[in-house]
Amino acid sequence: MQEIIKNLFYLGAGAAFATKEKIEELKNELVEKGKMTQDEGKKFVDELTKKSEDIKKEIDDKINRTVTERLEKMNVATGDDIADLRAQIQELRAMVEKAKPKKS
């Protein structure tokens, strides 16, 4: 029982990183020990998998926001900035080519 509680604690603490495989293993252990039915186990797996995915998405979003904010503060060019500069360079090249005297 202590091992199950420890596993549940670790699963709760690390839900963001729990894999479906690990959740399935815990469910199977609980079902084998008679702590839950197969139906409860399926619901358990579905809920923890969804929670894990939600937490992962939330963490990813926070990381992306933080990185974006830090890059903006550092005044680092973004991919969009670079794409805009490339487009401007292409326009300038076209203007230079157009302005060159034509060879006869």
PDB file of N, CA and C in Angstrom:
ATOM      1  N   MET A   1       0.821  -1.198   0.000  1.00  0.00           N
ATOM      2  CA  MET A   1       0.000   0.000   0.000  1.00  0.00           C
ATOM      3  C   MET A   1       0.866   1.263   0.000  1.00  0.00           C
ATOM      4  N   GLN A   2       1.958   1.223   0.771  1.00  0.00           N
ATOM      5  CA  GLN A   2       2.856   2.376   0.822  1.00  0.00           C
ATOM      6  C   GLN A   2       3.438   2.654  -0.557  1.00  0.00           C
ATOM      7  N   GLU A   3       3.757   1.591  -1.309  1.00  0.00           N
ATOM      8  CA  GLU A   3       4.309   1.747  -2.657  1.00  0.00           C
ATOM      9  C   GLU A   3       3.276   2.410  -3.577  1.00  0.00           C
ATOM     10  N   ILE A   4       2.023   2.028  -3.444  1.00  0.00           N
ATOM     11  CA  ILE A   4       0.955   2.615  -4.262  1.00  0.00           C
ATOM     12  C   ILE A   4       0.805   4.102  -3.938  1.00  0.00           C
ATOM     13  N   ILE A   5       0.810   4.435  -2.656  1.00  0.00           N
ATOM     14  CA  ILE A   5       0.688   5.842  -2.257  1.00  0.00           C
ATOM     15  C   ILE A   5       1.873   6.639  -2.786  1.00  0.00           C
ATOM     16  N   LYS A   6       3.069   6.051  -2.666  1.00  0.00           N
ATOM     17  CA  LYS A   6       4.262   6.732  -3.173  1.00  0.00           C
ATOM     18  C   LYS A   6       4.142   6.940  -4.679  1.00  0.00           C
ATOM     19  N   ASN A   7       3.682   5.910  -5.399  1.00  0.00           N
ATOM     20  CA  ASN A   7       3.503   6.035  -6.849  1.00  0.00           C
ATOM     21  C   ASN A   7       2.477   7.109  -7.188  1.00  0.00           C
ATOM     22  N   LEU A   8       1.386   7.158  -6.436  1.00  0.00           N
ATOM     23  CA  LEU A   8       0.369   8.181  -6.676  1.00  0.00           C
ATOM     24  C   LEU A   8       0.928   9.573  -6.401  1.00  0.00           C
ATOM     25  N   PHE A   9       1.724   9.701  -5.347  1.00  0.00           N
ATOM     26  CA  PHE A   9       2.339  10.995  -5.053  1.00  0.00           C
ATOM     27  C   PHE A   9       3.246  11.418  -6.196  1.00  0.00           C
ATOM     28  N   TYR A  10       4.125  10.501  -6.630  1.00  0.00           N
ATOM     29  CA  TYR A  10       5.036  10.825  -7.724  1.00  0.00           C
ATOM     30  C   TYR A  10       4.262  11.138  -8.996  1.00  0.00           C
ATOM     31  N   LEU A  11       3.193  10.395  -9.216  1.00  0.00           N
ATOM     32  CA  LEU A  11       2.379  10.639 -10.399  1.00  0.00           C
ATOM     33  C   LEU A  11       1.727  12.014 -10.313  1.00  0.00           C
ATOM     34  N   GLY A  12       1.221  12.372  -9.138  1.00  0.00           N
ATOM     35  CA  GLY A  12       0.620  13.694  -8.962  1.00  0.00           C
ATOM     36  C   GLY A  12       1.647  14.796  -9.116  1.00  0.00           C
ATOM     37  N   ALA A  13       2.801  14.611  -8.512  1.00  0.00           N
ATOM     38  CA  ALA A  13       3.849  15.630  -8.581  1.00  0.00           C
ATOM     39  C   ALA A  13       4.409  15.756  -9.983  1.00  0.00           C
ATOM     40  N   GLY A  14       4.455  14.653 -10.689  1.00  0.00           N
ATOM     41  CA  GLY A  14       5.040  14.686 -12.028  1.00  0.00           C
ATOM     42  C   GLY A  14       4.020  14.445 -13.117  1.00  0.00           C
ATOM     43  N   ALA A  15       2.778  14.830 -12.870  1.00  0.00           N
ATOM     44  CA  ALA A  15       1.714  14.574 -13.844  1.00  0.00           C
ATOM     45  C   ALA A  15       2.024  15.175 -15.200  1.00  0.00           C
ATOM     46  N   ALA A  16       2.723  16.272 -15.210  1.00  0.00           N
ATOM     47  CA  ALA A  16       3.038  16.919 -16.483  1.00  0.00           C
ATOM     48  C   ALA A  16       3.944  16.056 -17.334  1.00  0.00           C
ATOM     49  N   PHE A  17       4.675  15.170 -16.692  1.00  0.00           N
ATOM     50  CA  PHE A  17       5.649  14.381 -17.428  1.00  0.00           C
ATOM     51  C   PHE A  17       5.317  12.893 -17.438  1.00  0.00           C
ATOM     52  N   ALA A  18       4.173  12.554 -16.893  1.00  0.00           N
ATOM     53  CA  ALA A  18       3.772  11.156 -16.857  1.00  0.00           C
ATOM     54  C   ALA A  18       3.400  10.697 -18.258  1.00  0.00           C
ATOM     55  N   THR A  19       3.912   9.544 -18.619  1.00  0.00           N
ATOM     56  CA  THR A  19       3.558   9.000 -19.921  1.00  0.00           C
ATOM     57  C   THR A  19       2.344   8.104 -19.764  1.00  0.00           C
ATOM     58  N   LYS A  20       1.649   7.910 -20.858  1.00  0.00           N
ATOM     59  CA  LYS A  20       0.474   7.043 -20.814  1.00  0.00           C
ATOM     60  C   LYS A  20       0.885   5.644 -20.378  1.00  0.00           C
ATOM     61  N   GLU A  21       2.073   5.219 -20.806  1.00  0.00           N
ATOM     62  CA  GLU A  21       2.564   3.886 -20.443  1.00  0.00           C
ATOM     63  C   GLU A  21       2.702   3.752 -18.924  1.00  0.00           C
ATOM     64  N   LYS A  22       3.277   4.748 -18.283  1.00  0.00           N
ATOM     65  CA  LYS A  22       3.450   4.712 -16.823  1.00  0.00           C
ATOM     66  C   LYS A  22       2.097   4.744 -16.113  1.00  0.00           C
ATOM     67  N   ILE A  23       1.180   5.536 -16.647  1.00  0.00           N
ATOM     68  CA  ILE A  23      -0.155   5.611 -16.056  1.00  0.00           C
ATOM     69  C   ILE A  23      -0.841   4.254 -16.179  1.00  0.00           C
ATOM     70  N   GLU A  24      -0.689   3.613 -17.341  1.00  0.00           N
ATOM     71  CA  GLU A  24      -1.268   2.276 -17.552  1.00  0.00           C
ATOM     72  C   GLU A  24      -0.672   1.278 -16.564  1.00  0.00           C
ATOM     73  N   GLU A  25       0.644   1.352 -16.346  1.00  0.00           N
ATOM     74  CA  GLU A  25       1.296   0.441 -15.398  1.00  0.00           C
ATOM     75  C   GLU A  25       0.708   0.611 -14.004  1.00  0.00           C
ATOM     76  N   LEU A  26       0.532   1.850 -13.574  1.00  0.00           N
ATOM     77  CA  LEU A  26      -0.034   2.114 -12.255  1.00  0.00           C
ATOM     78  C   LEU A  26      -1.469   1.609 -12.183  1.00  0.00           C
ATOM     79  N   LYS A  27      -2.234   1.833 -13.235  1.00  0.00           N
ATOM     80  CA  LYS A  27      -3.626   1.350 -13.269  1.00  0.00           C
ATOM     81  C   LYS A  27      -3.657  -0.161 -13.134  1.00  0.00           C
ATOM     82  N   ASN A  28      -2.808  -0.846 -13.908  1.00  0.00           N
ATOM     83  CA  ASN A  28      -2.777  -2.309 -13.855  1.00  0.00           C
ATOM     84  C   ASN A  28      -2.428  -2.799 -12.452  1.00  0.00           C
ATOM     85  N   GLU A  29      -1.490  -2.125 -11.813  1.00  0.00           N
ATOM     86  CA  GLU A  29      -1.100  -2.490 -10.447  1.00  0.00           C
ATOM     87  C   GLU A  29      -2.279  -2.322  -9.494  1.00  0.00           C
ATOM     88  N   LEU A  30      -3.000  -1.209  -9.629  1.00  0.00           N
ATOM     89  CA  LEU A  30      -4.148  -0.953  -8.756  1.00  0.00           C
ATOM     90  C   LEU A  30      -5.279  -1.944  -9.015  1.00  0.00           C
ATOM     91  N   VAL A  31      -5.507  -2.290 -10.282  1.00  0.00           N
ATOM     92  CA  VAL A  31      -6.554  -3.255 -10.622  1.00  0.00           C
ATOM     93  C   VAL A  31      -6.178  -4.626 -10.075  1.00  0.00           C
ATOM     94  N   GLU A  32      -4.911  -5.028 -10.268  1.00  0.00           N
ATOM     95  CA  GLU A  32      -4.454  -6.333  -9.774  1.00  0.00           C
ATOM     96  C   GLU A  32      -4.617  -6.447  -8.261  1.00  0.00           C
ATOM     97  N   LYS A  33      -4.385  -5.371  -7.549  1.00  0.00           N
ATOM     98  CA  LYS A  33      -4.480  -5.394  -6.088  1.00  0.00           C
ATOM     99  C   LYS A  33      -5.911  -5.171  -5.605  1.00  0.00           C
ATOM    100  N   GLY A  34      -6.841  -5.040  -6.549  1.00  0.00           N
ATOM    101  CA  GLY A  34      -8.243  -4.887  -6.191  1.00  0.00           C
ATOM    102  C   GLY A  34      -8.604  -3.508  -5.673  1.00  0.00           C
ATOM    103  N   LYS A  35      -7.764  -2.540  -5.930  1.00  0.00           N
ATOM    104  CA  LYS A  35      -8.027  -1.180  -5.450  1.00  0.00           C
ATOM    105  C   LYS A  35      -8.976  -0.416  -6.371  1.00  0.00           C
ATOM    106  N   MET A  36      -9.157  -0.918  -7.595  1.00  0.00           N
ATOM    107  CA  MET A  36     -10.106  -0.304  -8.530  1.00  0.00           C
ATOM    108  C   MET A  36     -10.516  -1.345  -9.566  1.00  0.00           C
ATOM    109  N   THR A  37     -11.678  -1.096 -10.187  1.00  0.00           N
ATOM    110  CA  THR A  37     -12.166  -1.993 -11.238  1.00  0.00           C
ATOM    111  C   THR A  37     -11.540  -1.599 -12.574  1.00  0.00           C
ATOM    112  N   GLN A  38     -11.760  -2.438 -13.586  1.00  0.00           N
ATOM    113  CA  GLN A  38     -11.258  -2.121 -14.932  1.00  0.00           C
ATOM    114  C   GLN A  38     -11.861  -0.810 -15.438  1.00  0.00           C
ATOM    115  N   ASP A  39     -13.179  -0.626 -15.203  1.00  0.00           N
ATOM    116  CA  ASP A  39     -13.833   0.616 -15.647  1.00  0.00           C
ATOM    117  C   ASP A  39     -13.255   1.833 -14.930  1.00  0.00           C
ATOM    118  N   GLU A  40     -13.056   1.699 -13.625  1.00  0.00           N
ATOM    119  CA  GLU A  40     -12.439   2.795 -12.876  1.00  0.00           C
ATOM    120  C   GLU A  40     -11.020   3.043 -13.379  1.00  0.00           C
ATOM    121  N   GLY A  41     -10.328   1.953 -13.703  1.00  0.00           N
ATOM    122  CA  GLY A  41      -8.964   2.064 -14.217  1.00  0.00           C
ATOM    123  C   GLY A  41      -8.919   2.810 -15.534  1.00  0.00           C
ATOM    124  N   LYS A  42      -9.877   2.505 -16.421  1.00  0.00           N
ATOM    125  CA  LYS A  42      -9.911   3.192 -17.719  1.00  0.00           C
ATOM    126  C   LYS A  42     -10.157   4.684 -17.512  1.00  0.00           C
ATOM    127  N   LYS A  43     -11.117   4.997 -16.632  1.00  0.00           N
ATOM    128  CA  LYS A  43     -11.418   6.403 -16.345  1.00  0.00           C
ATOM    129  C   LYS A  43     -10.193   7.085 -15.725  1.00  0.00           C
ATOM    130  N   PHE A  44      -9.528   6.381 -14.828  1.00  0.00           N
ATOM    131  CA  PHE A  44      -8.313   6.874 -14.172  1.00  0.00           C
ATOM    132  C   PHE A  44      -7.249   7.218 -15.209  1.00  0.00           C
ATOM    133  N   VAL A  45      -7.011   6.293 -16.144  1.00  0.00           N
ATOM    134  CA  VAL A  45      -6.004   6.512 -17.193  1.00  0.00           C
ATOM    135  C   VAL A  45      -6.402   7.697 -18.066  1.00  0.00           C
ATOM    136  N   ASP A  46      -7.667   7.735 -18.482  1.00  0.00           N
ATOM    137  CA  ASP A  46      -8.132   8.830 -19.344  1.00  0.00           C
ATOM    138  C   ASP A  46      -7.972  10.191 -18.658  1.00  0.00           C
ATOM    139  N   GLU A  47      -8.378  10.264 -17.388  1.00  0.00           N
ATOM    140  CA  GLU A  47      -8.294  11.533 -16.658  1.00  0.00           C
ATOM    141  C   GLU A  47      -6.847  11.978 -16.465  1.00  0.00           C
ATOM    142  N   LEU A  48      -5.979  11.049 -16.049  1.00  0.00           N
ATOM    143  CA  LEU A  48      -4.583  11.425 -15.815  1.00  0.00           C
ATOM    144  C   LEU A  48      -3.861  11.757 -17.113  1.00  0.00           C
ATOM    145  N   THR A  49      -4.187  11.037 -18.180  1.00  0.00           N
ATOM    146  CA  THR A  49      -3.565  11.331 -19.471  1.00  0.00           C
ATOM    147  C   THR A  49      -3.974  12.723 -19.934  1.00  0.00           C
ATOM    148  N   LYS A  50      -5.266  13.041 -19.815  1.00  0.00           N
ATOM    149  CA  LYS A  50      -5.743  14.374 -20.210  1.00  0.00           C
ATOM    150  C   LYS A  50      -5.100  15.446 -19.341  1.00  0.00           C
ATOM    151  N   LYS A  51      -5.062  15.220 -18.039  1.00  0.00           N
ATOM    152  CA  LYS A  51      -4.457  16.194 -17.117  1.00  0.00           C
ATOM    153  C   LYS A  51      -2.985  16.394 -17.471  1.00  0.00           C
ATOM    154  N   SER A  52      -2.296  15.306 -17.754  1.00  0.00           N
ATOM    155  CA  SER A  52      -0.881  15.383 -18.121  1.00  0.00           C
ATOM    156  C   SER A  52      -0.698  16.206 -19.393  1.00  0.00           C
ATOM    157  N   GLU A  53      -1.544  15.961 -20.392  1.00  0.00           N
ATOM    158  CA  GLU A  53      -1.466  16.717 -21.652  1.00  0.00           C
ATOM    159  C   GLU A  53      -1.774  18.195 -21.425  1.00  0.00           C
ATOM    160  N   ASP A  54      -2.781  18.476 -20.591  1.00  0.00           N
ATOM    161  CA  ASP A  54      -3.138  19.873 -20.290  1.00  0.00           C
ATOM    162  C   ASP A  54      -1.984  20.597 -19.602  1.00  0.00           C
ATOM    163  N   ILE A  55      -1.362  19.922 -18.639  1.00  0.00           N
ATOM    164  CA  ILE A  55      -0.253  20.537 -17.909  1.00  0.00           C
ATOM    165  C   ILE A  55       0.933  20.759 -18.838  1.00  0.00           C
ATOM    166  N   LYS A  56       1.211  19.779 -19.696  1.00  0.00           N
ATOM    167  CA  LYS A  56       2.313  19.933 -20.653  1.00  0.00           C
ATOM    168  C   LYS A  56       2.068  21.135 -21.562  1.00  0.00           C
ATOM    169  N   LYS A  57       0.825  21.272 -22.041  1.00  0.00           N
ATOM    170  CA  LYS A  57       0.501  22.402 -22.915  1.00  0.00           C
ATOM    171  C   LYS A  57       0.665  23.720 -22.168  1.00  0.00           C
ATOM    172  N   GLU A  58       0.190  23.751 -20.926  1.00  0.00           N
ATOM    173  CA  GLU A  58       0.305  24.965 -20.120  1.00  0.00           C
ATOM    174  C   GLU A  58       1.777  25.332 -19.900  1.00  0.00           C
ATOM    175  N   ILE A  59       2.595  24.344 -19.613  1.00  0.00           N
ATOM    176  CA  ILE A  59       4.028  24.595 -19.414  1.00  0.00           C
ATOM    177  C   ILE A  59       4.660  25.093 -20.707  1.00  0.00           C
ATOM    178  N   ASP A  60       4.335  24.441 -21.825  1.00  0.00           N
ATOM    179  CA  ASP A  60       4.867  24.880 -23.123  1.00  0.00           C
ATOM    180  C   ASP A  60       4.479  26.328 -23.416  1.00  0.00           C
ATOM    181  N   ASP A  61       3.212  26.666 -23.161  1.00  0.00           N
ATOM    182  CA  ASP A  61       2.745  28.036 -23.398  1.00  0.00           C
ATOM    183  C   ASP A  61       3.508  29.040 -22.530  1.00  0.00           C
ATOM    184  N   LYS A  62       3.698  28.693 -21.264  1.00  0.00           N
ATOM    185  CA  LYS A  62       4.429  29.597 -20.364  1.00  0.00           C
ATOM    186  C   LYS A  62       5.877  29.757 -20.816  1.00  0.00           C
ATOM    187  N   ILE A  63       6.493  28.667 -21.224  1.00  0.00           N
ATOM    188  CA  ILE A  63       7.878  28.741 -21.701  1.00  0.00           C
ATOM    189  C   ILE A  63       7.956  29.617 -22.941  1.00  0.00           C
ATOM    190  N   ASN A  64       7.043  29.403 -23.881  1.00  0.00           N
ATOM    191  CA  ASN A  64       7.042  30.208 -25.109  1.00  0.00           C
ATOM    192  C   ASN A  64       6.855  31.692 -24.811  1.00  0.00           C
ATOM    193  N   ARG A  65       5.917  32.007 -23.912  1.00  0.00           N
ATOM    194  CA  ARG A  65       5.695  33.414 -23.546  1.00  0.00           C
ATOM    195  C   ARG A  65       6.939  34.009 -22.893  1.00  0.00           C
ATOM    196  N   THR A  66       7.539  33.259 -21.989  1.00  0.00           N
ATOM    197  CA  THR A  66       8.726  33.755 -21.285  1.00  0.00           C
ATOM    198  C   THR A  66       9.883  33.974 -22.243  1.00  0.00           C
ATOM    199  N   VAL A  67      10.119  33.013 -23.128  1.00  0.00           N
ATOM    200  CA  VAL A  67      11.214  33.147 -24.094  1.00  0.00           C
ATOM    201  C   VAL A  67      10.964  34.339 -25.009  1.00  0.00           C
ATOM    202  N   THR A  68       9.739  34.478 -25.491  1.00  0.00           N
ATOM    203  CA  THR A  68       9.397  35.602 -26.367  1.00  0.00           C
ATOM    204  C   THR A  68       9.625  36.930 -25.654  1.00  0.00           C
ATOM    205  N   GLU A  69       9.172  37.016 -24.407  1.00  0.00           N
ATOM    206  CA  GLU A  69       9.368  38.255 -23.638  1.00  0.00           C
ATOM    207  C   GLU A  69      10.851  38.559 -23.462  1.00  0.00           C
ATOM    208  N   ARG A  70      11.642  37.548 -23.149  1.00  0.00           N
ATOM    209  CA  ARG A  70      13.085  37.750 -22.935  1.00  0.00           C
ATOM    210  C   ARG A  70      13.770  38.185 -24.228  1.00  0.00           C
ATOM    211  N   LEU A  71      13.400  37.555 -25.331  1.00  0.00           N
ATOM    212  CA  LEU A  71      14.003  37.921 -26.614  1.00  0.00           C
ATOM    213  C   LEU A  71      13.634  39.348 -27.002  1.00  0.00           C
ATOM    214  N   GLU A  72      12.381  39.730 -26.741  1.00  0.00           N
ATOM    215  CA  GLU A  72      11.964  41.103 -27.037  1.00  0.00           C
ATOM    216  C   GLU A  72      12.755  42.099 -26.197  1.00  0.00           C
ATOM    217  N   LYS A  73      12.967  41.784 -24.930  1.00  0.00           N
ATOM    218  CA  LYS A  73      13.743  42.676 -24.061  1.00  0.00           C
ATOM    219  C   LYS A  73      15.192  42.770 -24.519  1.00  0.00           C
ATOM    220  N   MET A  74      15.708  41.693 -25.090  1.00  0.00           N
ATOM    221  CA  MET A  74      17.094  41.681 -25.568  1.00  0.00           C
ATOM    222  C   MET A  74      17.204  42.285 -26.963  1.00  0.00           C
ATOM    223  N   ASN A  75      16.050  42.609 -27.553  1.00  0.00           N
ATOM    224  CA  ASN A  75      15.993  43.183 -28.893  1.00  0.00           C
ATOM    225  C   ASN A  75      16.601  42.244 -29.942  1.00  0.00           C
ATOM    226  N   VAL A  76      16.324  40.953 -29.798  1.00  0.00           N
ATOM    227  CA  VAL A  76      16.803  39.943 -30.736  1.00  0.00           C
ATOM    228  C   VAL A  76      15.806  39.837 -31.885  1.00  0.00           C
ATOM    229  N   ALA A  77      16.333  39.747 -33.102  1.00  0.00           N
ATOM    230  CA  ALA A  77      15.467  39.634 -34.280  1.00  0.00           C
ATOM    231  C   ALA A  77      14.734  38.291 -34.256  1.00  0.00           C
ATOM    232  N   THR A  78      13.454  38.348 -34.579  1.00  0.00           N
ATOM    233  CA  THR A  78      12.655  37.126 -34.661  1.00  0.00           C
ATOM    234  C   THR A  78      12.702  36.587 -36.083  1.00  0.00           C
ATOM    235  N   GLY A  79      12.158  35.417 -36.280  1.00  0.00           N
ATOM    236  CA  GLY A  79      12.071  34.841 -37.620  1.00  0.00           C
ATOM    237  C   GLY A  79      11.285  35.744 -38.557  1.00  0.00           C
ATOM    238  N   ASP A  80      10.219  36.359 -38.043  1.00  0.00           N
ATOM    239  CA  ASP A  80       9.416  37.281 -38.858  1.00  0.00           C
ATOM    240  C   ASP A  80      10.226  38.519 -39.236  1.00  0.00           C
ATOM    241  N   ASP A  81      11.012  39.027 -38.272  1.00  0.00           N
ATOM    242  CA  ASP A  81      11.867  40.186 -38.562  1.00  0.00           C
ATOM    243  C   ASP A  81      12.843  39.858 -39.688  1.00  0.00           C
ATOM    244  N   ILE A  82      13.444  38.701 -39.607  1.00  0.00           N
ATOM    245  CA  ILE A  82      14.426  38.285 -40.617  1.00  0.00           C
ATOM    246  C   ILE A  82      13.750  38.096 -41.971  1.00  0.00           C
ATOM    247  N   ALA A  83      12.561  37.505 -41.971  1.00  0.00           N
ATOM    248  CA  ALA A  83      11.822  37.323 -43.225  1.00  0.00           C
ATOM    249  C   ALA A  83      11.496  38.677 -43.853  1.00  0.00           C
ATOM    250  N   ASP A  84      11.089  39.653 -43.025  1.00  0.00           N
ATOM    251  CA  ASP A  84      10.808  41.001 -43.536  1.00  0.00           C
ATOM    252  C   ASP A  84      12.059  41.627 -44.149  1.00  0.00           C
ATOM    253  N   LEU A  85      13.190  41.478 -43.469  1.00  0.00           N
ATOM    254  CA  LEU A  85      14.447  42.025 -43.994  1.00  0.00           C
ATOM    255  C   LEU A  85      14.831  41.361 -45.316  1.00  0.00           C
ATOM    256  N   ARG A  86      14.632  40.073 -45.416  1.00  0.00           N
ATOM    257  CA  ARG A  86      14.938  39.368 -46.671  1.00  0.00           C
ATOM    258  C   ARG A  86      14.068  39.889 -47.809  1.00  0.00           C
ATOM    259  N   ALA A  87      12.797  40.117 -47.513  1.00  0.00           N
ATOM    260  CA  ALA A  87      11.886  40.646 -48.533  1.00  0.00           C
ATOM    261  C   ALA A  87      12.333  42.041 -48.967  1.00  0.00           C
ATOM    262  N   GLN A  88      12.746  42.860 -48.015  1.00  0.00           N
ATOM    263  CA  GLN A  88      13.224  44.203 -48.351  1.00  0.00           C
ATOM    264  C   GLN A  88      14.495  44.137 -49.198  1.00  0.00           C
ATOM    265  N   ILE A  89      15.378  43.206 -48.871  1.00  0.00           N
ATOM    266  CA  ILE A  89      16.608  43.040 -49.660  1.00  0.00           C
ATOM    267  C   ILE A  89      16.264  42.647 -51.089  1.00  0.00           C
ATOM    268  N   GLN A  90      15.321  41.749 -51.243  1.00  0.00           N
ATOM    269  CA  GLN A  90      14.900  41.330 -52.591  1.00  0.00           C
ATOM    270  C   GLN A  90      14.341  42.516 -53.373  1.00  0.00           C
ATOM    271  N   GLU A  91      13.538  43.337 -52.711  1.00  0.00           N
ATOM    272  CA  GLU A  91      12.981  44.523 -53.370  1.00  0.00           C
ATOM    273  C   GLU A  91      14.094  45.477 -53.793  1.00  0.00           C
ATOM    274  N   LEU A  92      15.055  45.689 -52.909  1.00  0.00           N
ATOM    275  CA  LEU A  92      16.175  46.581 -53.231  1.00  0.00           C
ATOM    276  C   LEU A  92      17.006  46.025 -54.386  1.00  0.00           C
ATOM    277  N   ARG A  93      17.240  44.735 -54.403  1.00  0.00           N
ATOM    278  CA  ARG A  93      17.980  44.118 -55.512  1.00  0.00           C
ATOM    279  C   ARG A  93      17.249  44.343 -56.832  1.00  0.00           C
ATOM    280  N   ALA A  94      15.938  44.160 -56.789  1.00  0.00           N
ATOM    281  CA  ALA A  94      15.146  44.360 -58.004  1.00  0.00           C
ATOM    282  C   ALA A  94      15.234  45.811 -58.459  1.00  0.00           C
ATOM    283  N   MET A  95      15.203  46.751 -57.523  1.00  0.00           N
ATOM    284  CA  MET A  95      15.302  48.172 -57.869  1.00  0.00           C
ATOM    285  C   MET A  95      16.677  48.493 -58.457  1.00  0.00           C
ATOM    286  N   VAL A  96      17.726  47.900 -57.894  1.00  0.00           N
ATOM    287  CA  VAL A  96      19.089  48.132 -58.398  1.00  0.00           C
ATOM    288  C   VAL A  96      19.216  47.577 -59.809  1.00  0.00           C
ATOM    289  N   GLU A  97      18.719  46.387 -60.021  1.00  0.00           N
ATOM    290  CA  GLU A  97      18.786  45.779 -61.360  1.00  0.00           C
ATOM    291  C   GLU A  97      18.027  46.627 -62.376  1.00  0.00           C
ATOM    292  N   LYS A  98      16.887  47.139 -61.967  1.00  0.00           N
ATOM    293  CA  LYS A  98      16.063  47.954 -62.857  1.00  0.00           C
ATOM    294  C   LYS A  98      16.760  49.283 -63.174  1.00  0.00           C
ATOM    295  N   ALA A  99      17.502  49.814 -62.225  1.00  0.00           N
ATOM    296  CA  ALA A  99      18.163  51.112 -62.401  1.00  0.00           C
ATOM    297  C   ALA A  99      19.481  51.011 -63.166  1.00  0.00           C
ATOM    298  N   LYS A 100      20.019  49.809 -63.315  1.00  0.00           N
ATOM    299  CA  LYS A 100      21.291  49.653 -64.038  1.00  0.00           C
ATOM    300  C   LYS A 100      21.092  50.051 -65.499  1.00  0.00           C
ATOM    301  N   PRO A 101      22.119  50.706 -66.076  1.00  0.00           N
ATOM    302  CA  PRO A 101      22.009  51.050 -67.502  1.00  0.00           C
ATOM    303  C   PRO A 101      21.982  49.770 -68.339  1.00  0.00           C
ATOM    304  N   LYS A 102      21.186  49.817 -69.364  1.00  0.00           N
ATOM    305  CA  LYS A 102      21.061  48.656 -70.251  1.00  0.00           C
ATOM    306  C   LYS A 102      22.211  48.652 -71.233  1.00  0.00           C
ATOM    307  N   LYS A 103      22.778  47.489 -71.438  1.00  0.00           N
ATOM    308  CA  LYS A 103      23.867  47.345 -72.413  1.00  0.00           C
ATOM    309  C   LYS A 103      23.257  47.225 -73.802  1.00  0.00           C
ATOM    310  N   SER A 104      23.866  47.928 -74.731  1.00  0.00           N
ATOM    311  CA  SER A 104      23.341  47.887 -76.091  1.00  0.00           C
ATOM    312  C   SER A 104      24.127  46.961 -76.954  1.00  0.00           C
TER     313      SER A 104
END
